[in-house]
C-alpha atoms as a PDB file:
ATOM      1  CA  GLN A   1      72.109-187.506 198.745  1.00  0.00           C
ATOM      2  CA  VAL A   2      74.408-187.056 195.758  1.00  0.00           C
ATOM      3  CA  GLN A   3      73.575-189.156 192.735  1.00  0.00           C
ATOM      4  CA  LEU A   4      75.471-189.469 189.480  1.00  0.00           C
ATOM      5  CA  VAL A   5      73.898-191.186 186.481  1.00  0.00           C
ATOM      6  CA  GLU A   6      75.892-191.882 183.325  1.00  0.00           C
ATOM      7  CA  SER A   7      74.447-192.442 179.875  1.00  0.00           C
ATOM      8  CA  GLY A   8      75.517-192.484 176.262  1.00  0.00           C
ATOM      9  CA  GLY A   9      77.636-195.592 176.086  1.00  0.00           C
ATOM     10  CA  GLY A  10      77.386-198.086 173.281  1.00  0.00           C
ATOM     11  CA  LEU A  11      79.122-199.866 170.431  1.00  0.00           C
ATOM     12  CA  VAL A  12      81.143-197.829 167.964  1.00  0.00           C
ATOM     13  CA  GLN A  13      83.715-198.622 165.283  1.00  0.00           C
ATOM     14  CA  THR A  14      87.354-197.661 165.512  1.00  0.00           C
ATOM     15  CA  GLY A  15      87.754-194.005 164.597  1.00  0.00           C
ATOM     16  CA  GLY A  16      84.213-193.156 165.611  1.00  0.00           C
ATOM     17  CA  SER A  17      82.881-190.848 168.313  1.00  0.00           C
ATOM     18  CA  LEU A  18      80.633-191.022 171.350  1.00  0.00           C
ATOM     19  CA  ARG A  19      79.486-188.512 173.920  1.00  0.00           C
ATOM     20  CA  LEU A  20      78.871-189.658 177.447  1.00  0.00           C
ATOM     21  CA  SER A  21      76.724-187.725 179.875  1.00  0.00           C
ATOM     22  CA  CYS A  22      76.700-187.690 183.668  1.00  0.00           C
ATOM     23  CA  ALA A  23      73.686-186.138 185.335  1.00  0.00           C
ATOM     24  CA  ALA A  24      74.230-185.048 188.923  1.00  0.00           C
ATOM     25  CA  SER A  25      71.728-184.367 191.658  1.00  0.00           C
ATOM     26  CA  GLY A  26      71.711-183.767 195.376  1.00  0.00           C
ATOM     27  CA  ARG A  27      73.912-180.718 195.768  1.00  0.00           C
ATOM     28  CA  THR A  28      75.217-177.543 194.116  1.00  0.00           C
ATOM     29  CA  PHE A  29      76.850-179.096 191.108  1.00  0.00           C
ATOM     30  CA  ARG A  30      78.787-176.076 189.927  1.00  0.00           C
ATOM     31  CA  SER A  31      81.031-175.919 193.006  1.00  0.00           C
ATOM     32  CA  TYR A  32      82.731-179.292 192.633  1.00  0.00           C
ATOM     33  CA  SER A  33      85.312-181.008 190.463  1.00  0.00           C
ATOM     34  CA  MET A  34      84.090-183.796 188.265  1.00  0.00           C
ATOM     35  CA  ALA A  35      86.054-186.610 186.706  1.00  0.00           C
ATOM     36  CA  TRP A  36      85.806-189.556 184.358  1.00  0.00           C
ATOM     37  CA  PHE A  37      87.431-192.910 184.952  1.00  0.00           C
ATOM     38  CA  ARG A  38      87.265-196.168 183.060  1.00  0.00           C
ATOM     39  CA  GLN A  39      87.798-199.807 183.854  1.00  0.00           C
ATOM     40  CA  ALA A  40      88.492-202.566 181.360  1.00  0.00           C
ATOM     41  CA  PRO A  41      87.990-206.244 182.284  1.00  0.00           C
ATOM     42  CA  GLY A  42      90.787-207.479 184.508  1.00  0.00           C
ATOM     43  CA  LYS A  43      92.316-204.027 184.919  1.00  0.00           C
ATOM     44  CA  ASP A  44      92.322-201.362 187.608  1.00  0.00           C
ATOM     45  CA  ARG A  45      90.135-198.306 187.344  1.00  0.00           C
ATOM     46  CA  GLU A  46      91.990-195.770 185.195  1.00  0.00           C
ATOM     47  CA  PHE A  47      91.886-191.994 185.302  1.00  0.00           C
ATOM     48  CA  VAL A  48      90.585-190.419 182.082  1.00  0.00           C
ATOM     49  CA  GLY A  49      90.226-186.748 182.924  1.00  0.00           C
ATOM     50  CA  THR A  50      88.969-184.196 185.378  1.00  0.00           C
ATOM     51  CA  LEU A  51      87.367-180.753 185.245  1.00  0.00           C
ATOM     52  CA  THR A  52      87.501-178.335 188.145  1.00  0.00           C
ATOM     53  CA  TRP A  53      84.701-175.983 189.086  1.00  0.00           C
ATOM     54  CA  THR A  54      86.557-173.236 187.216  1.00  0.00           C
ATOM     55  CA  GLY A  55      86.551-175.233 183.989  1.00  0.00           C
ATOM     56  CA  ALA A  56      90.238-176.182 184.060  1.00  0.00           C
ATOM     57  CA  ALA A  57      90.880-179.668 182.731  1.00  0.00           C
ATOM     58  CA  LEU A  58      93.513-182.372 182.985  1.00  0.00           C
ATOM     59  CA  TYR A  59      93.579-185.512 180.833  1.00  0.00           C
ATOM     60  CA  ALA A  60      95.399-188.801 180.860  1.00  0.00           C
ATOM     61  CA  ASP A  61      98.099-188.990 178.214  1.00  0.00           C
ATOM     62  CA  SER A  62      96.286-191.889 176.570  1.00  0.00           C
ATOM     63  CA  VAL A  63      93.264-189.713 175.706  1.00  0.00           C
ATOM     64  CA  LYS A  64      94.776-186.260 175.378  1.00  0.00           C
ATOM     65  CA  GLY A  65      93.757-184.610 172.132  1.00  0.00           C
ATOM     66  CA  ARG A  66      90.952-187.109 171.561  1.00  0.00           C
ATOM     67  CA  PHE A  67      88.699-186.707 174.601  1.00  0.00           C
ATOM     68  CA  THR A  68      87.159-183.505 175.982  1.00  0.00           C
ATOM     69  CA  ILE A  69      85.322-182.986 179.272  1.00  0.00           C
ATOM     70  CA  SER A  70      82.788-180.193 179.547  1.00  0.00           C
ATOM     71  CA  ARG A  71      80.023-179.256 181.926  1.00  0.00           C
ATOM     72  CA  ASP A  72      76.654-177.539 181.767  1.00  0.00           C
ATOM     73  CA  ASN A  73      75.988-176.182 185.225  1.00  0.00           C
ATOM     74  CA  ALA A  74      72.445-175.189 184.316  1.00  0.00           C
ATOM     75  CA  LYS A  75      71.672-178.862 183.551  1.00  0.00           C
ATOM     76  CA  ASN A  76      73.861-180.299 186.366  1.00  0.00           C
ATOM     77  CA  THR A  77      75.549-182.410 183.714  1.00  0.00           C
ATOM     78  CA  VAL A  78      79.114-183.200 182.762  1.00  0.00           C
ATOM     79  CA  TYR A  79      80.031-184.641 179.389  1.00  0.00           C
ATOM     80  CA  LEU A  80      82.859-186.703 177.957  1.00  0.00           C
ATOM     81  CA  GLN A  81      83.233-186.234 174.218  1.00  0.00           C
ATOM     82  CA  MET A  82      85.297-189.081 172.805  1.00  0.00           C
ATOM     83  CA  ASN A  83      86.671-188.832 169.280  1.00  0.00           C
ATOM     84  CA  SER A  84      89.002-191.030 167.238  1.00  0.00           C
ATOM     85  CA  LEU A  85      88.118-194.001 169.396  1.00  0.00           C
ATOM     86  CA  LYS A  86      90.437-196.992 169.545  1.00  0.00           C
ATOM     87  CA  ALA A  87      89.849-200.595 170.565  1.00  0.00           C
ATOM     88  CA  GLU A  88      91.856-199.949 173.739  1.00  0.00           C
ATOM     89  CA  ASP A  89      89.260-197.372 174.825  1.00  0.00           C
ATOM     90  CA  THR A  90      86.823-200.220 175.411  1.00  0.00           C
ATOM     91  CA  ALA A  91      85.802-200.124 179.073  1.00  0.00           C
ATOM     92  CA  VAL A  92      83.097-199.236 181.525  1.00  0.00           C
ATOM     93  CA  TYR A  93      83.200-195.463 181.996  1.00  0.00           C
ATOM     94  CA  TYR A  94      82.381-193.890 185.337  1.00  0.00           C
ATOM     95  CA  CYS A  95      81.893-190.307 186.351  1.00  0.00           C
ATOM     96  CA  ALA A  96      82.916-189.213 189.817  1.00  0.00           C
ATOM     97  CA  SER A  97      82.654-186.167 192.010  1.00  0.00           C
ATOM     98  CA  ASN A  98      84.951-184.749 194.611  1.00  0.00           C
ATOM     99  CA  SER A  99      83.423-183.536 197.877  1.00  0.00           C
ATOM    100  CA  ALA A 100      85.735-180.523 198.385  1.00  0.00           C
ATOM    101  CA  ALA A 101      83.947-177.424 197.180  1.00  0.00           C
ATOM    102  CA  TYR A 102      85.916-174.887 195.126  1.00  0.00           C
ATOM    103  CA  SER A 103      88.950-177.145 194.907  1.00  0.00           C
ATOM    104  CA  LEU A 104      91.557-176.158 192.308  1.00  0.00           C
ATOM    105  CA  GLY A 105      93.493-179.416 192.457  1.00  0.00           C
ATOM    106  CA  PHE A 106      93.615-182.095 189.804  1.00  0.00           C
ATOM    107  CA  TYR A 107      93.054-185.518 191.306  1.00  0.00           C
ATOM    108  CA  ARG A 108      93.922-188.686 189.430  1.00  0.00           C
ATOM    109  CA  ASP A 109      93.346-191.253 192.161  1.00  0.00           C
ATOM    110  CA  PRO A 110      89.934-192.897 192.667  1.00  0.00           C
ATOM    111  CA  PRO A 111      90.023-192.543 196.475  1.00  0.00           C
ATOM    112  CA  MET A 112      89.984-188.752 196.038  1.00  0.00           C
ATOM    113  CA  TYR A 113      86.429-188.993 194.762  1.00  0.00           C
ATOM    114  CA  ASP A 114      83.515-189.559 197.062  1.00  0.00           C
ATOM    115  CA  TYR A 115      80.629-190.116 194.679  1.00  0.00           C
ATOM    116  CA  TRP A 116      80.419-192.412 191.683  1.00  0.00           C
ATOM    117  CA  GLY A 117      77.938-193.276 189.011  1.00  0.00           C
ATOM    118  CA  GLN A 118      76.968-196.807 188.056  1.00  0.00           C
ATOM    119  CA  GLY A 119      79.019-196.777 184.844  1.00  0.00           C
ATOM    120  CA  THR A 120      78.230-197.045 181.160  1.00  0.00           C
ATOM    121  CA  GLN A 121      79.787-199.530 178.754  1.00  0.00           C
ATOM    122  CA  VAL A 122      81.785-198.296 175.758  1.00  0.00           C
ATOM    123  CA  THR A 123      82.816-200.900 173.229  1.00  0.00           C
ATOM    124  CA  VAL A 124      85.020-199.982 170.271  1.00  0.00           C
ATOM    125  CA  SER A 125      85.117-202.607 167.545  1.00  0.00           C
ATOM    126  CA  PRO A 126      88.185-203.060 165.338  1.00  0.00           C
END
């Protein structure tokens, strides 16, 4: 059974930084794409970025240049480094995993991901 557990959320001031972690278990982590999404109150779940098994990344325009996704296959963990945070980045952040091994595609839509973590709250104060 695949499990994803996020951590690292919290309260930060505008302009600050946070690093989120997503620990995966239950399968060969290195073979699958991973992604981060976020959901603010009253809004749909929004794509943040994705990282393929090769290390290629795609980001939403709203976070490009500020956020970076990386992975440590030895630790079965994917990270989201968030810099220059803005109030509009406030949301619950979720990591997700695709179930197609060795996929080279970039997937922005939540239904393309089969496994989700429980989410971690990020609050950016003005």
